[in-house]
Amino acid sequence: MPKWMMGDMASLKNLMMTLKPLMVEPRRSIIKILSGGVKGTNEIYKALQERGLNMPRSTLYYHLSALEDMGIIEMAGYREVGGGAPEKLWKLKVRRIGIDLVTGEIFKE
């Protein structure tokens, strides 16, 4: 392990704890899907199915909520669909996560 890493293992551990839940499926795929711009919940669900990630809608809502709570995605508005309940629109709030090597702080851009 490089010497510069030895002094601030807590910062690296915090970064790893931040990244770990983002790199598991289906969250990783949701982030990639939203990298193309604003998408509705139904669009995300269909795109996940096309990637072979079949799950109940409740599971998708769970992962969307978790990503929103982490500050990675945010709701961009609503879309009226055929007189029913409006569909939520989602977008990426953060495209990059890193660590400042001088201060040890984790940043999101």
N, C-alpha and C. Protein backbone atom coordinates (compact mmCIF):
# COMPACT_ATOMS: atom_id res chain seq x y z
N MET A 1 0.84 -1.18 0.00
CA MET A 1 0.00 0.00 0.00
C MET A 1 0.89 1.24 0.00
N PRO A 2 0.57 2.23 -0.87
CA PRO A 2 1.38 3.45 -0.91
C PRO A 2 1.34 4.19 0.43
N LYS A 3 2.45 4.88 0.73
CA LYS A 3 2.56 5.60 2.01
C LYS A 3 1.48 6.67 2.18
N TRP A 4 1.09 7.34 1.09
CA TRP A 4 0.10 8.40 1.22
C TRP A 4 -1.25 7.85 1.66
N MET A 5 -1.51 6.59 1.40
CA MET A 5 -2.76 5.97 1.82
C MET A 5 -2.74 5.58 3.29
N MET A 6 -1.59 5.30 3.80
CA MET A 6 -1.48 4.81 5.17
C MET A 6 -1.96 5.83 6.19
N GLY A 7 -1.72 7.12 5.94
CA GLY A 7 -2.03 8.14 6.91
C GLY A 7 -3.51 8.43 7.09
N ASP A 8 -4.31 8.15 6.09
CA ASP A 8 -5.71 8.54 6.19
C ASP A 8 -6.62 7.41 5.72
N MET A 9 -6.51 6.28 6.37
CA MET A 9 -7.33 5.12 6.02
C MET A 9 -8.81 5.37 6.29
N ALA A 10 -9.13 6.23 7.25
CA ALA A 10 -10.53 6.52 7.55
C ALA A 10 -11.22 7.16 6.35
N SER A 11 -10.53 8.06 5.66
CA SER A 11 -11.10 8.71 4.48
C SER A 11 -11.35 7.70 3.37
N LEU A 12 -10.40 6.82 3.16
CA LEU A 12 -10.56 5.79 2.14
C LEU A 12 -11.70 4.83 2.50
N LYS A 13 -11.79 4.50 3.77
CA LYS A 13 -12.87 3.62 4.21
C LYS A 13 -14.22 4.29 3.98
N ASN A 14 -14.32 5.58 4.28
CA ASN A 14 -15.56 6.32 4.05
C ASN A 14 -15.92 6.35 2.57
N LEU A 15 -14.91 6.54 1.71
CA LEU A 15 -15.16 6.54 0.28
C LEU A 15 -15.67 5.17 -0.17
N MET A 16 -15.06 4.12 0.30
CA MET A 16 -15.49 2.77 -0.06
C MET A 16 -16.92 2.50 0.43
N MET A 17 -17.24 2.98 1.62
CA MET A 17 -18.59 2.78 2.16
C MET A 17 -19.61 3.57 1.34
N THR A 18 -19.19 4.68 0.74
CA THR A 18 -20.07 5.46 -0.12
C THR A 18 -20.28 4.77 -1.46
N LEU A 19 -19.19 4.24 -2.01
CA LEU A 19 -19.25 3.65 -3.35
C LEU A 19 -19.88 2.26 -3.39
N LYS A 20 -19.68 1.47 -2.36
CA LYS A 20 -20.13 0.08 -2.37
C LYS A 20 -21.62 -0.08 -2.71
N PRO A 21 -22.53 0.67 -2.06
CA PRO A 21 -23.94 0.49 -2.39
C PRO A 21 -24.31 0.98 -3.79
N LEU A 22 -23.45 1.79 -4.41
CA LEU A 22 -23.73 2.29 -5.75
C LEU A 22 -23.33 1.32 -6.84
N MET A 23 -22.43 0.41 -6.53
CA MET A 23 -21.87 -0.46 -7.55
C MET A 23 -22.59 -1.80 -7.67
N VAL A 24 -23.64 -2.00 -6.90
CA VAL A 24 -24.39 -3.25 -6.99
C VAL A 24 -25.59 -3.07 -7.92
N GLU A 25 -26.02 -4.16 -8.51
CA GLU A 25 -27.20 -4.11 -9.35
C GLU A 25 -28.43 -4.13 -8.47
N PRO A 26 -29.48 -3.47 -8.87
CA PRO A 26 -29.69 -2.72 -10.10
C PRO A 26 -29.28 -1.25 -10.03
N ARG A 27 -28.73 -0.81 -8.91
CA ARG A 27 -28.40 0.62 -8.76
C ARG A 27 -27.40 1.09 -9.81
N ARG A 28 -26.43 0.26 -10.10
CA ARG A 28 -25.44 0.62 -11.13
C ARG A 28 -26.12 0.84 -12.47
N SER A 29 -27.05 -0.05 -12.82
CA SER A 29 -27.77 0.08 -14.09
C SER A 29 -28.68 1.30 -14.09
N ILE A 30 -29.33 1.59 -12.98
CA ILE A 30 -30.19 2.78 -12.89
C ILE A 30 -29.36 4.03 -13.15
N ILE A 31 -28.18 4.11 -12.56
CA ILE A 31 -27.30 5.26 -12.78
C ILE A 31 -26.92 5.37 -14.25
N LYS A 32 -26.58 4.25 -14.86
CA LYS A 32 -26.22 4.28 -16.29
C LYS A 32 -27.40 4.69 -17.16
N ILE A 33 -28.59 4.21 -16.83
CA ILE A 33 -29.79 4.57 -17.58
C ILE A 33 -30.04 6.07 -17.48
N LEU A 34 -29.91 6.63 -16.29
CA LEU A 34 -30.15 8.05 -16.09
C LEU A 34 -29.02 8.94 -16.63
N SER A 35 -27.89 8.34 -16.97
CA SER A 35 -26.79 9.13 -17.54
C SER A 35 -27.18 9.70 -18.90
N GLY A 36 -28.20 9.12 -19.53
CA GLY A 36 -28.68 9.61 -20.82
C GLY A 36 -29.67 10.76 -20.70
N GLY A 37 -30.01 11.16 -19.49
CA GLY A 37 -30.95 12.27 -19.31
C GLY A 37 -32.12 11.86 -18.43
N VAL A 38 -33.10 12.72 -18.35
CA VAL A 38 -34.28 12.50 -17.51
C VAL A 38 -35.09 11.32 -18.04
N LYS A 39 -35.47 10.43 -17.13
CA LYS A 39 -36.27 9.26 -17.49
C LYS A 39 -37.39 9.09 -16.48
N GLY A 40 -38.51 8.58 -16.97
CA GLY A 40 -39.62 8.25 -16.09
C GLY A 40 -39.41 6.90 -15.44
N THR A 41 -40.15 6.66 -14.36
CA THR A 41 -40.05 5.39 -13.65
C THR A 41 -40.32 4.22 -14.59
N ASN A 42 -41.32 4.35 -15.45
CA ASN A 42 -41.64 3.26 -16.38
C ASN A 42 -40.51 3.01 -17.38
N GLU A 43 -39.89 4.07 -17.85
CA GLU A 43 -38.75 3.93 -18.77
C GLU A 43 -37.59 3.20 -18.09
N ILE A 44 -37.33 3.55 -16.85
CA ILE A 44 -36.26 2.89 -16.10
C ILE A 44 -36.58 1.43 -15.92
N TYR A 45 -37.83 1.14 -15.56
CA TYR A 45 -38.26 -0.25 -15.34
C TYR A 45 -38.08 -1.09 -16.61
N LYS A 46 -38.51 -0.54 -17.75
CA LYS A 46 -38.38 -1.26 -19.03
C LYS A 46 -36.91 -1.46 -19.41
N ALA A 47 -36.09 -0.44 -19.19
CA ALA A 47 -34.67 -0.54 -19.52
C ALA A 47 -33.98 -1.60 -18.65
N LEU A 48 -34.37 -1.70 -17.39
CA LEU A 48 -33.81 -2.74 -16.52
C LEU A 48 -34.22 -4.12 -16.99
N GLN A 49 -35.48 -4.26 -17.41
CA GLN A 49 -35.94 -5.55 -17.93
C GLN A 49 -35.17 -5.93 -19.18
N GLU A 50 -34.89 -4.96 -20.05
CA GLU A 50 -34.11 -5.22 -21.27
C GLU A 50 -32.69 -5.69 -20.93
N ARG A 51 -32.19 -5.27 -19.79
CA ARG A 51 -30.86 -5.69 -19.33
C ARG A 51 -30.91 -7.02 -18.58
N GLY A 52 -32.09 -7.62 -18.51
CA GLY A 52 -32.23 -8.91 -17.83
C GLY A 52 -32.44 -8.81 -16.33
N LEU A 53 -32.72 -7.61 -15.84
CA LEU A 53 -32.95 -7.41 -14.40
C LEU A 53 -34.45 -7.35 -14.14
N ASN A 54 -35.06 -8.52 -14.02
CA ASN A 54 -36.48 -8.61 -13.77
C ASN A 54 -36.73 -8.56 -12.27
N MET A 55 -37.58 -7.63 -11.87
CA MET A 55 -37.87 -7.44 -10.45
C MET A 55 -39.27 -6.84 -10.32
N PRO A 56 -39.86 -6.98 -9.16
CA PRO A 56 -41.13 -6.29 -8.94
C PRO A 56 -40.92 -4.78 -8.94
N ARG A 57 -41.95 -4.04 -9.29
CA ARG A 57 -41.86 -2.58 -9.28
C ARG A 57 -41.52 -2.04 -7.89
N SER A 58 -42.01 -2.72 -6.87
CA SER A 58 -41.72 -2.26 -5.51
C SER A 58 -40.22 -2.27 -5.23
N THR A 59 -39.51 -3.21 -5.81
CA THR A 59 -38.06 -3.27 -5.65
C THR A 59 -37.39 -2.09 -6.37
N LEU A 60 -37.90 -1.75 -7.55
CA LEU A 60 -37.38 -0.58 -8.27
C LEU A 60 -37.59 0.68 -7.43
N TYR A 61 -38.78 0.84 -6.87
CA TYR A 61 -39.06 2.02 -6.05
C TYR A 61 -38.12 2.08 -4.85
N TYR A 62 -37.82 0.93 -4.27
CA TYR A 62 -36.89 0.85 -3.13
C TYR A 62 -35.51 1.38 -3.55
N HIS A 63 -35.01 0.93 -4.69
CA HIS A 63 -33.68 1.34 -5.14
C HIS A 63 -33.66 2.82 -5.57
N LEU A 64 -34.73 3.29 -6.21
CA LEU A 64 -34.80 4.71 -6.57
C LEU A 64 -34.79 5.57 -5.30
N SER A 65 -35.55 5.15 -4.30
CA SER A 65 -35.59 5.88 -3.04
C SER A 65 -34.22 5.89 -2.35
N ALA A 66 -33.54 4.75 -2.37
CA ALA A 66 -32.21 4.67 -1.75
C ALA A 66 -31.22 5.58 -2.46
N LEU A 67 -31.23 5.60 -3.79
CA LEU A 67 -30.33 6.48 -4.55
C LEU A 67 -30.67 7.95 -4.30
N GLU A 68 -31.95 8.25 -4.14
CA GLU A 68 -32.35 9.62 -3.84
C GLU A 68 -31.87 10.01 -2.44
N ASP A 69 -32.02 9.11 -1.48
CA ASP A 69 -31.57 9.38 -0.11
C ASP A 69 -30.06 9.59 -0.04
N MET A 70 -29.30 8.91 -0.93
CA MET A 70 -27.85 9.07 -0.96
C MET A 70 -27.42 10.35 -1.68
N GLY A 71 -28.39 11.03 -2.31
CA GLY A 71 -28.07 12.26 -3.02
C GLY A 71 -27.51 12.03 -4.40
N ILE A 72 -27.71 10.83 -4.96
CA ILE A 72 -27.16 10.50 -6.28
C ILE A 72 -28.14 10.87 -7.39
N ILE A 73 -29.43 10.66 -7.16
CA ILE A 73 -30.46 11.03 -8.13
C ILE A 73 -31.45 11.96 -7.44
N GLU A 74 -32.25 12.62 -8.28
CA GLU A 74 -33.31 13.46 -7.73
C GLU A 74 -34.51 13.43 -8.66
N MET A 75 -35.66 13.72 -8.08
CA MET A 75 -36.87 13.76 -8.89
C MET A 75 -36.85 15.05 -9.70
N ALA A 76 -37.12 14.93 -10.99
CA ALA A 76 -37.07 16.08 -11.88
C ALA A 76 -38.47 16.63 -12.17
N GLY A 77 -39.50 15.94 -11.70
CA GLY A 77 -40.86 16.39 -11.95
C GLY A 77 -41.80 15.22 -12.11
N TYR A 78 -42.94 15.51 -12.71
CA TYR A 78 -43.96 14.48 -12.94
C TYR A 78 -44.39 14.53 -14.39
N ARG A 79 -44.88 13.38 -14.86
CA ARG A 79 -45.44 13.28 -16.21
C ARG A 79 -46.86 12.76 -16.05
N GLU A 80 -47.80 13.49 -16.60
CA GLU A 80 -49.20 13.04 -16.58
C GLU A 80 -49.37 11.93 -17.60
N VAL A 81 -49.92 10.80 -17.15
CA VAL A 81 -50.08 9.65 -18.04
C VAL A 81 -51.53 9.19 -17.99
N GLY A 82 -52.26 9.46 -19.05
CA GLY A 82 -53.61 8.92 -19.23
C GLY A 82 -54.58 9.06 -18.07
N GLY A 83 -54.56 10.13 -17.34
CA GLY A 83 -55.54 10.35 -16.30
C GLY A 83 -55.29 9.62 -14.99
N GLY A 84 -54.29 8.75 -14.95
CA GLY A 84 -53.96 8.05 -13.72
C GLY A 84 -53.02 8.88 -12.86
N ALA A 85 -52.39 8.21 -11.94
CA ALA A 85 -51.40 8.89 -11.09
C ALA A 85 -50.24 9.37 -11.95
N PRO A 86 -49.72 10.56 -11.70
CA PRO A 86 -48.58 11.04 -12.50
C PRO A 86 -47.34 10.19 -12.26
N GLU A 87 -46.55 10.04 -13.32
CA GLU A 87 -45.31 9.27 -13.25
C GLU A 87 -44.17 10.19 -12.81
N LYS A 88 -43.34 9.71 -11.89
CA LYS A 88 -42.18 10.49 -11.46
C LYS A 88 -41.11 10.46 -12.54
N LEU A 89 -40.46 11.59 -12.72
CA LEU A 89 -39.32 11.70 -13.62
C LEU A 89 -38.06 11.84 -12.77
N TRP A 90 -36.99 11.16 -13.18
CA TRP A 90 -35.76 11.10 -12.40
C TRP A 90 -34.59 11.60 -13.23
N LYS A 91 -33.60 12.18 -12.55
CA LYS A 91 -32.35 12.57 -13.22
C LYS A 91 -31.19 12.39 -12.26
N LEU A 92 -30.00 12.29 -12.83
CA LEU A 92 -28.78 12.20 -12.01
C LEU A 92 -28.52 13.54 -11.36
N LYS A 93 -28.19 13.51 -10.10
CA LYS A 93 -27.81 14.72 -9.37
C LYS A 93 -26.29 14.79 -9.26
N VAL A 94 -25.65 13.62 -9.25
CA VAL A 94 -24.20 13.51 -9.09
C VAL A 94 -23.66 12.62 -10.21
N ARG A 95 -22.62 13.09 -10.87
CA ARG A 95 -21.98 12.29 -11.92
C ARG A 95 -20.64 11.72 -11.47
N ARG A 96 -20.03 12.37 -10.46
CA ARG A 96 -18.72 11.91 -10.00
C ARG A 96 -18.65 11.96 -8.48
N ILE A 97 -17.94 10.98 -7.93
CA ILE A 97 -17.65 10.95 -6.50
C ILE A 97 -16.15 10.70 -6.38
N GLY A 98 -15.49 11.44 -5.51
CA GLY A 98 -14.05 11.26 -5.35
C GLY A 98 -13.60 11.67 -3.95
N ILE A 99 -12.31 11.69 -3.79
CA ILE A 99 -11.73 12.05 -2.50
C ILE A 99 -10.64 13.09 -2.73
N ASP A 100 -10.68 14.13 -1.94
CA ASP A 100 -9.63 15.15 -1.97
C ASP A 100 -8.44 14.56 -1.22
N LEU A 101 -7.33 14.35 -1.90
CA LEU A 101 -6.17 13.70 -1.30
C LEU A 101 -5.50 14.54 -0.22
N VAL A 102 -5.72 15.84 -0.26
CA VAL A 102 -5.11 16.71 0.74
C VAL A 102 -5.93 16.73 2.02
N THR A 103 -7.24 16.96 1.90
CA THR A 103 -8.08 17.08 3.09
C THR A 103 -8.71 15.76 3.51
N GLY A 104 -8.80 14.80 2.59
CA GLY A 104 -9.44 13.54 2.89
C GLY A 104 -10.95 13.59 2.77
N GLU A 105 -11.49 14.71 2.32
CA GLU A 105 -12.92 14.86 2.19
C GLU A 105 -13.43 14.19 0.93
N ILE A 106 -14.62 13.59 1.04
CA ILE A 106 -15.29 12.98 -0.11
C ILE A 106 -16.11 14.07 -0.77
N PHE A 107 -16.01 14.15 -2.11
CA PHE A 107 -16.77 15.15 -2.82
C PHE A 107 -17.67 14.48 -3.86
N LYS A 108 -18.75 15.18 -4.17
CA LYS A 108 -19.70 14.73 -5.21
C LYS A 108 -19.87 15.88 -6.18
N GLU A 109 -19.82 15.55 -7.47
CA GLU A 109 -20.03 16.56 -8.52
C GLU A 109 -21.13 16.11 -9.45
